[in-house]
Amino acid sequence: MRYFAFILAIFLFSAGAIAQPKSKQVETELNIESIELLLELLSIPNDANDPVQIAENLNWLT
């Protein structure tokens, strides 16, 4: 859940981040890191009826 909140915060505050003067290299690095984290989150199987998948999700979040 912590990573989900992090990703949600990135999307919600992206307009403010765009308005801030940043170097293109820093901006690109942050974008790549965020997208990699999002892809990792989306790649986790998520079936609430499977205790093994629940355990994997909990391990990823901690």
PDB file of N, CA and C in Angstrom:
ATOM      1  N   MET A   1       0.820  -1.187   0.000  1.00  0.00           N
ATOM      2  CA  MET A   1       0.000   0.000   0.000  1.00  0.00           C
ATOM      3  C   MET A   1       0.867   1.255   0.000  1.00  0.00           C
ATOM      4  N   ARG A   2       2.018   1.127   0.633  1.00  0.00           N
ATOM      5  CA  ARG A   2       2.918   2.273   0.703  1.00  0.00           C
ATOM      6  C   ARG A   2       3.366   2.699  -0.696  1.00  0.00           C
ATOM      7  N   TYR A   3       3.681   1.715  -1.549  1.00  0.00           N
ATOM      8  CA  TYR A   3       4.117   2.038  -2.902  1.00  0.00           C
ATOM      9  C   TYR A   3       2.963   2.589  -3.736  1.00  0.00           C
ATOM     10  N   PHE A   4       1.759   2.068  -3.507  1.00  0.00           N
ATOM     11  CA  PHE A   4       0.600   2.579  -4.218  1.00  0.00           C
ATOM     12  C   PHE A   4       0.379   4.046  -3.873  1.00  0.00           C
ATOM     13  N   ALA A   5       0.501   4.392  -2.588  1.00  0.00           N
ATOM     14  CA  ALA A   5       0.347   5.787  -2.170  1.00  0.00           C
ATOM     15  C   ALA A   5       1.432   6.655  -2.796  1.00  0.00           C
ATOM     16  N   PHE A   6       2.656   6.119  -2.886  1.00  0.00           N
ATOM     17  CA  PHE A   6       3.752   6.854  -3.505  1.00  0.00           C
ATOM     18  C   PHE A   6       3.456   7.148  -4.972  1.00  0.00           C
ATOM     19  N   ILE A   7       2.985   6.147  -5.682  1.00  0.00           N
ATOM     20  CA  ILE A   7       2.672   6.315  -7.102  1.00  0.00           C
ATOM     21  C   ILE A   7       1.507   7.282  -7.285  1.00  0.00           C
ATOM     22  N   LEU A   8       0.500   7.157  -6.445  1.00  0.00           N
ATOM     23  CA  LEU A   8      -0.639   8.069  -6.521  1.00  0.00           C
ATOM     24  C   LEU A   8      -0.194   9.506  -6.270  1.00  0.00           C
ATOM     25  N   ALA A   9       0.669   9.695  -5.302  1.00  0.00           N
ATOM     26  CA  ALA A   9       1.177  11.038  -5.012  1.00  0.00           C
ATOM     27  C   ALA A   9       1.945  11.610  -6.193  1.00  0.00           C
ATOM     28  N   ILE A  10       2.710  10.769  -6.879  1.00  0.00           N
ATOM     29  CA  ILE A  10       3.458  11.232  -8.053  1.00  0.00           C
ATOM     30  C   ILE A  10       2.496  11.748  -9.118  1.00  0.00           C
ATOM     31  N   PHE A  11       1.430  10.996  -9.377  1.00  0.00           N
ATOM     32  CA  PHE A  11       0.469  11.425 -10.384  1.00  0.00           C
ATOM     33  C   PHE A  11      -0.279  12.681  -9.958  1.00  0.00           C
ATOM     34  N   LEU A  12      -0.657  12.764  -8.687  1.00  0.00           N
ATOM     35  CA  LEU A  12      -1.435  13.907  -8.226  1.00  0.00           C
ATOM     36  C   LEU A  12      -0.627  15.206  -8.211  1.00  0.00           C
ATOM     37  N   PHE A  13       0.648  15.102  -7.916  1.00  0.00           N
ATOM     38  CA  PHE A  13       1.466  16.297  -7.817  1.00  0.00           C
ATOM     39  C   PHE A  13       2.356  16.519  -9.034  1.00  0.00           C
ATOM     40  N   SER A  14       2.072  15.822 -10.113  1.00  0.00           N
ATOM     41  CA  SER A  14       2.907  15.967 -11.302  1.00  0.00           C
ATOM     42  C   SER A  14       2.816  17.366 -11.900  1.00  0.00           C
ATOM     43  N   ALA A  15       1.670  17.994 -11.805  1.00  0.00           N
ATOM     44  CA  ALA A  15       1.535  19.354 -12.345  1.00  0.00           C
ATOM     45  C   ALA A  15       2.459  20.319 -11.604  1.00  0.00           C
ATOM     46  N   GLY A  16       2.552  20.167 -10.294  1.00  0.00           N
ATOM     47  CA  GLY A  16       3.446  21.001  -9.513  1.00  0.00           C
ATOM     48  C   GLY A  16       4.897  20.707  -9.816  1.00  0.00           C
ATOM     49  N   ALA A  17       5.207  19.468 -10.063  1.00  0.00           N
ATOM     50  CA  ALA A  17       6.587  19.095 -10.380  1.00  0.00           C
ATOM     51  C   ALA A  17       7.001  19.643 -11.737  1.00  0.00           C
ATOM     52  N   ILE A  18       6.076  19.672 -12.672  1.00  0.00           N
ATOM     53  CA  ILE A  18       6.386  20.207 -14.000  1.00  0.00           C
ATOM     54  C   ILE A  18       6.674  21.705 -13.924  1.00  0.00           C
ATOM     55  N   ALA A  19       5.987  22.376 -13.012  1.00  0.00           N
ATOM     56  CA  ALA A  19       6.167  23.819 -12.890  1.00  0.00           C
ATOM     57  C   ALA A  19       7.504  24.175 -12.240  1.00  0.00           C
ATOM     58  N   GLN A  20       8.106  23.254 -11.519  1.00  0.00           N
ATOM     59  CA  GLN A  20       9.377  23.509 -10.860  1.00  0.00           C
ATOM     60  C   GLN A  20      10.516  23.407 -11.869  1.00  0.00           C
ATOM     61  N   PRO A  21      11.473  24.309 -11.785  1.00  0.00           N
ATOM     62  CA  PRO A  21      12.608  24.227 -12.704  1.00  0.00           C
ATOM     63  C   PRO A  21      13.539  23.081 -12.294  1.00  0.00           C
ATOM     64  N   LYS A  22      13.666  22.089 -13.154  1.00  0.00           N
ATOM     65  CA  LYS A  22      14.543  20.943 -12.917  1.00  0.00           C
ATOM     66  C   LYS A  22      15.357  20.705 -14.175  1.00  0.00           C
ATOM     67  N   SER A  23      16.478  20.102 -13.962  1.00  0.00           N
ATOM     68  CA  SER A  23      17.253  19.740 -15.136  1.00  0.00           C
ATOM     69  C   SER A  23      16.581  18.568 -15.830  1.00  0.00           C
ATOM     70  N   LYS A  24      16.748  18.454 -17.110  1.00  0.00           N
ATOM     71  CA  LYS A  24      16.137  17.376 -17.881  1.00  0.00           C
ATOM     72  C   LYS A  24      16.647  16.012 -17.421  1.00  0.00           C
ATOM     73  N   GLN A  25      17.908  15.927 -17.047  1.00  0.00           N
ATOM     74  CA  GLN A  25      18.475  14.650 -16.625  1.00  0.00           C
ATOM     75  C   GLN A  25      17.805  14.168 -15.332  1.00  0.00           C
ATOM     76  N   VAL A  26      17.636  15.034 -14.352  1.00  0.00           N
ATOM     77  CA  VAL A  26      16.987  14.662 -13.091  1.00  0.00           C
ATOM     78  C   VAL A  26      15.543  14.274 -13.352  1.00  0.00           C
ATOM     79  N   GLU A  27      14.874  15.030 -14.174  1.00  0.00           N
ATOM     80  CA  GLU A  27      13.479  14.732 -14.504  1.00  0.00           C
ATOM     81  C   GLU A  27      13.352  13.361 -15.179  1.00  0.00           C
ATOM     82  N   THR A  28      14.237  13.074 -16.108  1.00  0.00           N
ATOM     83  CA  THR A  28      14.212  11.792 -16.808  1.00  0.00           C
ATOM     84  C   THR A  28      14.485  10.638 -15.848  1.00  0.00           C
ATOM     85  N   GLU A  29      15.454  10.793 -14.961  1.00  0.00           N
ATOM     86  CA  GLU A  29      15.771   9.745 -13.990  1.00  0.00           C
ATOM     87  C   GLU A  29      14.586   9.465 -13.077  1.00  0.00           C
ATOM     88  N   LEU A  30      13.925  10.517 -12.619  1.00  0.00           N
ATOM     89  CA  LEU A  30      12.767  10.337 -11.735  1.00  0.00           C
ATOM     90  C   LEU A  30      11.609   9.673 -12.474  1.00  0.00           C
ATOM     91  N   ASN A  31      11.402  10.055 -13.721  1.00  0.00           N
ATOM     92  CA  ASN A  31      10.341   9.436 -14.513  1.00  0.00           C
ATOM     93  C   ASN A  31      10.602   7.947 -14.740  1.00  0.00           C
ATOM     94  N   ILE A  32      11.816   7.604 -15.071  1.00  0.00           N
ATOM     95  CA  ILE A  32      12.167   6.205 -15.300  1.00  0.00           C
ATOM     96  C   ILE A  32      11.995   5.398 -14.020  1.00  0.00           C
ATOM     97  N   GLU A  33      12.457   5.938 -12.898  1.00  0.00           N
ATOM     98  CA  GLU A  33      12.320   5.246 -11.612  1.00  0.00           C
ATOM     99  C   GLU A  33      10.847   5.030 -11.256  1.00  0.00           C
ATOM    100  N   SER A  34      10.024   6.035 -11.488  1.00  0.00           N
ATOM    101  CA  SER A  34       8.596   5.926 -11.173  1.00  0.00           C
ATOM    102  C   SER A  34       7.909   4.889 -12.057  1.00  0.00           C
ATOM    103  N   ILE A  35       8.234   4.889 -13.336  1.00  0.00           N
ATOM    104  CA  ILE A  35       7.615   3.937 -14.258  1.00  0.00           C
ATOM    105  C   ILE A  35       8.067   2.515 -13.940  1.00  0.00           C
ATOM    106  N   GLU A  36       9.329   2.335 -13.592  1.00  0.00           N
ATOM    107  CA  GLU A  36       9.806   1.002 -13.217  1.00  0.00           C
ATOM    108  C   GLU A  36       9.078   0.490 -11.976  1.00  0.00           C
ATOM    109  N   LEU A  37       8.871   1.365 -10.999  1.00  0.00           N
ATOM    110  CA  LEU A  37       8.152   0.980  -9.791  1.00  0.00           C
ATOM    111  C   LEU A  37       6.701   0.649 -10.105  1.00  0.00           C
ATOM    112  N   LEU A  38       6.078   1.414 -10.969  1.00  0.00           N
ATOM    113  CA  LEU A  38       4.699   1.144 -11.369  1.00  0.00           C
ATOM    114  C   LEU A  38       4.593  -0.199 -12.094  1.00  0.00           C
ATOM    115  N   LEU A  39       5.500  -0.472 -13.010  1.00  0.00           N
ATOM    116  CA  LEU A  39       5.482  -1.748 -13.735  1.00  0.00           C
ATOM    117  C   LEU A  39       5.704  -2.926 -12.787  1.00  0.00           C
ATOM    118  N   GLU A  40       6.581  -2.743 -11.816  1.00  0.00           N
ATOM    119  CA  GLU A  40       6.805  -3.797 -10.831  1.00  0.00           C
ATOM    120  C   GLU A  40       5.537  -4.054 -10.019  1.00  0.00           C
ATOM    121  N   LEU A  41       4.865  -2.998  -9.612  1.00  0.00           N
ATOM    122  CA  LEU A  41       3.621  -3.131  -8.857  1.00  0.00           C
ATOM    123  C   LEU A  41       2.553  -3.829  -9.682  1.00  0.00           C
ATOM    124  N   LEU A  42       2.425  -3.455 -10.944  1.00  0.00           N
ATOM    125  CA  LEU A  42       1.396  -4.052 -11.800  1.00  0.00           C
ATOM    126  C   LEU A  42       1.708  -5.493 -12.182  1.00  0.00           C
ATOM    127  N   SER A  43       2.957  -5.904 -12.076  1.00  0.00           N
ATOM    128  CA  SER A  43       3.323  -7.269 -12.449  1.00  0.00           C
ATOM    129  C   SER A  43       3.036  -8.286 -11.345  1.00  0.00           C
ATOM    130  N   ILE A  44       2.707  -7.822 -10.161  1.00  0.00           N
ATOM    131  CA  ILE A  44       2.433  -8.738  -9.052  1.00  0.00           C
ATOM    132  C   ILE A  44       1.050  -9.349  -9.250  1.00  0.00           C
ATOM    133  N   PRO A  45       0.955 -10.683  -9.224  1.00  0.00           N
ATOM    134  CA  PRO A  45      -0.369 -11.315  -9.293  1.00  0.00           C
ATOM    135  C   PRO A  45      -1.210 -10.874  -8.094  1.00  0.00           C
ATOM    136  N   ASN A  46      -2.481 -10.665  -8.331  1.00  0.00           N
ATOM    137  CA  ASN A  46      -3.325 -10.130  -7.276  1.00  0.00           C
ATOM    138  C   ASN A  46      -4.663 -10.862  -7.262  1.00  0.00           C
ATOM    139  N   ASP A  47      -4.668 -12.044  -6.655  1.00  0.00           N
ATOM    140  CA  ASP A  47      -5.890 -12.818  -6.498  1.00  0.00           C
ATOM    141  C   ASP A  47      -6.128 -12.996  -5.009  1.00  0.00           C
ATOM    142  N   ALA A  48      -7.157 -12.372  -4.479  1.00  0.00           N
ATOM    143  CA  ALA A  48      -7.424 -12.397  -3.043  1.00  0.00           C
ATOM    144  C   ALA A  48      -7.800 -13.785  -2.546  1.00  0.00           C
ATOM    145  N   ASN A  49      -8.123 -14.709  -3.428  1.00  0.00           N
ATOM    146  CA  ASN A  49      -8.468 -16.068  -3.022  1.00  0.00           C
ATOM    147  C   ASN A  49      -7.252 -16.984  -2.928  1.00  0.00           C
ATOM    148  N   ASP A  50      -6.095 -16.492  -3.290  1.00  0.00           N
ATOM    149  CA  ASP A  50      -4.878 -17.292  -3.281  1.00  0.00           C
ATOM    150  C   ASP A  50      -3.941 -16.793  -2.178  1.00  0.00           C
ATOM    151  N   PRO A  51      -3.822 -17.538  -1.071  1.00  0.00           N
ATOM    152  CA  PRO A  51      -2.982 -17.091   0.047  1.00  0.00           C
ATOM    153  C   PRO A  51      -1.513 -16.884  -0.332  1.00  0.00           C
ATOM    154  N   VAL A  52      -1.016 -17.643  -1.293  1.00  0.00           N
ATOM    155  CA  VAL A  52       0.374 -17.482  -1.718  1.00  0.00           C
ATOM    156  C   VAL A  52       0.573 -16.113  -2.363  1.00  0.00           C
ATOM    157  N   GLN A  53      -0.357 -15.712  -3.207  1.00  0.00           N
ATOM    158  CA  GLN A  53      -0.247 -14.397  -3.853  1.00  0.00           C
ATOM    159  C   GLN A  53      -0.398 -13.269  -2.840  1.00  0.00           C
ATOM    160  N   ILE A  54      -1.234 -13.436  -1.855  1.00  0.00           N
ATOM    161  CA  ILE A  54      -1.373 -12.427  -0.803  1.00  0.00           C
ATOM    162  C   ILE A  54      -0.059 -12.271  -0.069  1.00  0.00           C
ATOM    163  N   ALA A  55       0.579 -13.391   0.260  1.00  0.00           N
ATOM    164  CA  ALA A  55       1.874 -13.342   0.940  1.00  0.00           C
ATOM    165  C   ALA A  55       2.929 -12.647   0.076  1.00  0.00           C
ATOM    166  N   GLU A  56       2.936 -12.930  -1.217  1.00  0.00           N
ATOM    167  CA  GLU A  56       3.881 -12.269  -2.123  1.00  0.00           C
ATOM    168  C   GLU A  56       3.647 -10.761  -2.161  1.00  0.00           C
ATOM    169  N   ASN A  57       2.390 -10.367  -2.200  1.00  0.00           N
ATOM    170  CA  ASN A  57       2.073  -8.936  -2.193  1.00  0.00           C
ATOM    171  C   ASN A  57       2.545  -8.273  -0.920  1.00  0.00           C
ATOM    172  N   LEU A  58       2.342  -8.931   0.210  1.00  0.00           N
ATOM    173  CA  LEU A  58       2.780  -8.373   1.487  1.00  0.00           C
ATOM    174  C   LEU A  58       4.300  -8.273   1.560  1.00  0.00           C
ATOM    175  N   ASN A  59       4.979  -9.266   1.017  1.00  0.00           N
ATOM    176  CA  ASN A  59       6.442  -9.223   0.994  1.00  0.00           C
ATOM    177  C   ASN A  59       6.946  -8.070   0.135  1.00  0.00           C
ATOM    178  N   TRP A  60       6.278  -7.808  -0.966  1.00  0.00           N
ATOM    179  CA  TRP A  60       6.706  -6.723  -1.852  1.00  0.00           C
ATOM    180  C   TRP A  60       6.513  -5.363  -1.180  1.00  0.00           C
ATOM    181  N   LEU A  61       5.431  -5.234  -0.419  1.00  0.00           N
ATOM    182  CA  LEU A  61       5.112  -3.959   0.214  1.00  0.00           C
ATOM    183  C   LEU A  61       6.025  -3.633   1.387  1.00  0.00           C
ATOM    184  N   THR A  62       6.631  -4.635   1.980  1.00  0.00           N
ATOM    185  CA  THR A  62       7.468  -4.373   3.166  1.00  0.00           C
ATOM    186  C   THR A  62       8.925  -4.316   2.829  1.00  0.00           C
TER     187      THR A  62
END
